[in-house]
Amino acid sequence: MHNSFPPSICKAGNRSPEEVDRRRHAVMAELREIHQLQLEGKWDSKTWNGFGKGKLHNGVAAGKVHEEVAS
């Protein structure tokens, strides 16, 4: 039988509840950061293209978010 789910979904099934929670919190922190950038008028296509790659253009706070997501 062929698995119709993408590999990322299959991998998620192998994570512990603690790992799922940690990653969920990291994603929520990233979304809060995006929202703050939007409120400050600093969110544009250039920022979007670098997001998730450690290339946000707003300084220290973005670096902290990416460190958490990467860990």
N, C-alpha and C. Protein backbone atom coordinates (compact mmCIF):
# COMPACT_ATOMS: atom_id res chain seq x y z
N MET A 1 0.84 -1.18 0.00
CA MET A 1 0.00 0.00 0.00
C MET A 1 0.88 1.24 0.00
N HIS A 2 0.54 2.20 -0.83
CA HIS A 2 1.32 3.43 -0.96
C HIS A 2 0.91 4.44 0.10
N ASN A 3 1.90 5.03 0.76
CA ASN A 3 1.63 6.06 1.76
C ASN A 3 1.42 7.38 1.04
N SER A 4 0.26 8.01 1.22
CA SER A 4 -0.05 9.25 0.51
C SER A 4 0.36 10.50 1.28
N PHE A 5 0.92 10.34 2.47
CA PHE A 5 1.33 11.50 3.25
C PHE A 5 2.75 11.91 2.90
N PRO A 6 3.01 13.21 2.87
CA PRO A 6 4.39 13.67 2.63
C PRO A 6 5.31 13.20 3.76
N PRO A 7 6.61 13.09 3.49
CA PRO A 7 7.57 12.63 4.52
C PRO A 7 7.52 13.44 5.80
N SER A 8 7.29 14.75 5.71
CA SER A 8 7.27 15.57 6.92
C SER A 8 6.16 15.15 7.87
N ILE A 9 5.02 14.75 7.32
CA ILE A 9 3.91 14.30 8.17
C ILE A 9 4.26 12.95 8.80
N CYS A 10 4.87 12.07 8.04
CA CYS A 10 5.25 10.76 8.57
C CYS A 10 6.25 10.92 9.71
N LYS A 11 7.22 11.82 9.54
CA LYS A 11 8.23 12.04 10.58
C LYS A 11 7.59 12.59 11.85
N ALA A 12 6.58 13.41 11.70
CA ALA A 12 5.92 14.01 12.87
C ALA A 12 5.31 12.93 13.76
N GLY A 13 4.87 11.83 13.19
CA GLY A 13 4.28 10.76 13.96
C GLY A 13 5.27 10.05 14.86
N ASN A 14 6.55 10.23 14.60
CA ASN A 14 7.59 9.58 15.40
C ASN A 14 8.12 10.46 16.52
N ARG A 15 7.55 11.63 16.73
CA ARG A 15 8.03 12.55 17.77
C ARG A 15 7.31 12.29 19.09
N SER A 16 8.04 12.52 20.17
CA SER A 16 7.44 12.39 21.50
C SER A 16 6.50 13.57 21.73
N PRO A 17 5.55 13.42 22.66
CA PRO A 17 4.66 14.54 22.98
C PRO A 17 5.43 15.78 23.43
N GLU A 18 6.54 15.57 24.13
CA GLU A 18 7.36 16.71 24.58
C GLU A 18 7.98 17.44 23.39
N GLU A 19 8.47 16.68 22.42
CA GLU A 19 9.07 17.29 21.23
C GLU A 19 8.01 18.05 20.42
N VAL A 20 6.83 17.47 20.31
CA VAL A 20 5.74 18.15 19.60
C VAL A 20 5.40 19.46 20.30
N ASP A 21 5.31 19.44 21.62
CA ASP A 21 5.03 20.66 22.39
C ASP A 21 6.12 21.70 22.20
N ARG A 22 7.38 21.27 22.26
CA ARG A 22 8.50 22.20 22.10
C ARG A 22 8.45 22.87 20.73
N ARG A 23 8.22 22.08 19.71
CA ARG A 23 8.16 22.63 18.36
C ARG A 23 6.94 23.53 18.18
N ARG A 24 5.84 23.17 18.79
CA ARG A 24 4.63 24.00 18.70
C ARG A 24 4.89 25.36 19.33
N HIS A 25 5.54 25.36 20.49
CA HIS A 25 5.86 26.62 21.16
C HIS A 25 6.82 27.46 20.31
N ALA A 26 7.77 26.81 19.65
CA ALA A 26 8.72 27.52 18.79
C ALA A 26 7.99 28.17 17.61
N VAL A 27 7.07 27.43 17.02
CA VAL A 27 6.30 27.99 15.90
C VAL A 27 5.45 29.16 16.36
N MET A 28 4.83 29.03 17.52
CA MET A 28 4.02 30.13 18.04
C MET A 28 4.88 31.37 18.30
N ALA A 29 6.10 31.18 18.80
CA ALA A 29 7.00 32.31 19.01
C ALA A 29 7.34 32.98 17.68
N GLU A 30 7.55 32.16 16.67
CA GLU A 30 7.85 32.69 15.34
C GLU A 30 6.67 33.49 14.80
N LEU A 31 5.47 32.97 14.98
CA LEU A 31 4.28 33.69 14.53
C LEU A 31 4.08 35.00 15.28
N ARG A 32 4.38 35.00 16.58
CA ARG A 32 4.30 36.25 17.35
C ARG A 32 5.30 37.27 16.82
N GLU A 33 6.49 36.80 16.46
CA GLU A 33 7.51 37.69 15.91
C GLU A 33 7.04 38.28 14.57
N ILE A 34 6.47 37.46 13.72
CA ILE A 34 5.94 37.93 12.45
C ILE A 34 4.87 38.99 12.69
N HIS A 35 3.96 38.71 13.61
CA HIS A 35 2.89 39.66 13.92
C HIS A 35 3.46 40.99 14.39
N GLN A 36 4.46 40.94 15.26
CA GLN A 36 5.08 42.17 15.75
C GLN A 36 5.71 42.96 14.60
N LEU A 37 6.39 42.26 13.70
CA LEU A 37 6.98 42.93 12.54
C LEU A 37 5.90 43.58 11.68
N GLN A 38 4.77 42.89 11.52
CA GLN A 38 3.66 43.46 10.75
C GLN A 38 3.15 44.73 11.42
N LEU A 39 2.98 44.69 12.74
CA LEU A 39 2.50 45.87 13.47
C LEU A 39 3.45 47.05 13.33
N GLU A 40 4.74 46.76 13.27
CA GLU A 40 5.76 47.81 13.16
C GLU A 40 6.00 48.25 11.72
N GLY A 41 5.30 47.61 10.78
CA GLY A 41 5.48 47.95 9.37
C GLY A 41 6.80 47.47 8.80
N LYS A 42 7.40 46.46 9.41
CA LYS A 42 8.71 45.95 8.98
C LYS A 42 8.62 44.62 8.25
N TRP A 43 7.43 44.19 7.94
CA TRP A 43 7.25 42.88 7.30
C TRP A 43 6.97 43.12 5.82
N ASP A 44 7.89 42.69 4.95
CA ASP A 44 7.70 42.84 3.52
C ASP A 44 8.20 41.59 2.81
N SER A 45 8.18 41.60 1.49
CA SER A 45 8.58 40.40 0.75
C SER A 45 10.03 40.03 1.02
N LYS A 46 10.89 41.01 1.23
CA LYS A 46 12.29 40.72 1.52
C LYS A 46 12.42 39.99 2.86
N THR A 47 11.68 40.46 3.85
CA THR A 47 11.68 39.81 5.16
C THR A 47 11.12 38.40 5.03
N TRP A 48 10.01 38.26 4.31
CA TRP A 48 9.37 36.96 4.14
C TRP A 48 10.34 35.96 3.52
N ASN A 49 11.07 36.37 2.49
CA ASN A 49 11.99 35.46 1.81
C ASN A 49 13.10 34.97 2.72
N GLY A 50 13.47 35.76 3.72
CA GLY A 50 14.53 35.35 4.62
C GLY A 50 14.04 34.65 5.87
N PHE A 51 12.73 34.67 6.11
CA PHE A 51 12.21 34.11 7.34
C PHE A 51 12.37 32.60 7.35
N GLY A 52 12.75 32.06 8.49
CA GLY A 52 12.97 30.62 8.61
C GLY A 52 14.36 30.20 8.17
N LYS A 53 15.14 31.17 7.69
CA LYS A 53 16.50 30.87 7.23
C LYS A 53 17.52 31.64 8.06
N GLY A 54 17.07 32.25 9.16
CA GLY A 54 17.97 33.02 10.00
C GLY A 54 18.37 34.34 9.39
N LYS A 55 17.57 34.85 8.46
CA LYS A 55 17.94 36.07 7.74
C LYS A 55 16.94 37.20 7.95
N LEU A 56 16.22 37.19 9.03
CA LEU A 56 15.29 38.29 9.28
C LEU A 56 16.08 39.58 9.46
N HIS A 57 15.45 40.68 9.13
CA HIS A 57 16.15 41.96 9.12
C HIS A 57 15.81 42.82 10.32
N ASN A 58 15.35 42.24 11.40
CA ASN A 58 14.96 43.08 12.54
C ASN A 58 15.83 42.88 13.77
N GLY A 59 16.94 42.21 13.66
CA GLY A 59 17.89 42.19 14.75
C GLY A 59 17.81 41.02 15.70
N VAL A 60 18.10 41.29 16.96
CA VAL A 60 18.32 40.29 18.00
C VAL A 60 17.11 39.40 18.25
N ALA A 61 15.92 39.96 18.31
CA ALA A 61 14.73 39.17 18.61
C ALA A 61 14.54 38.06 17.59
N ALA A 62 14.73 38.36 16.32
CA ALA A 62 14.58 37.35 15.28
C ALA A 62 15.61 36.24 15.46
N GLY A 63 16.83 36.60 15.81
CA GLY A 63 17.86 35.60 16.04
C GLY A 63 17.49 34.65 17.14
N LYS A 64 16.88 35.17 18.21
CA LYS A 64 16.45 34.31 19.32
C LYS A 64 15.37 33.34 18.87
N VAL A 65 14.43 33.81 18.05
CA VAL A 65 13.37 32.93 17.55
C VAL A 65 13.99 31.82 16.73
N HIS A 66 14.91 32.16 15.85
CA HIS A 66 15.52 31.15 14.99
C HIS A 66 16.38 30.17 15.77
N GLU A 67 17.03 30.63 16.83
CA GLU A 67 17.81 29.72 17.67
C GLU A 67 16.89 28.69 18.31
N GLU A 68 15.73 29.12 18.78
CA GLU A 68 14.78 28.21 19.42
C GLU A 68 14.24 27.20 18.41
N VAL A 69 13.89 27.68 17.22
CA VAL A 69 13.36 26.79 16.20
C VAL A 69 14.41 25.77 15.77
N ALA A 70 15.65 26.21 15.66
CA ALA A 70 16.72 25.33 15.21
C ALA A 70 17.13 24.30 16.26
N SER A 71 16.92 24.61 17.53
CA SER A 71 17.39 23.69 18.58
C SER A 71 16.47 22.51 18.79
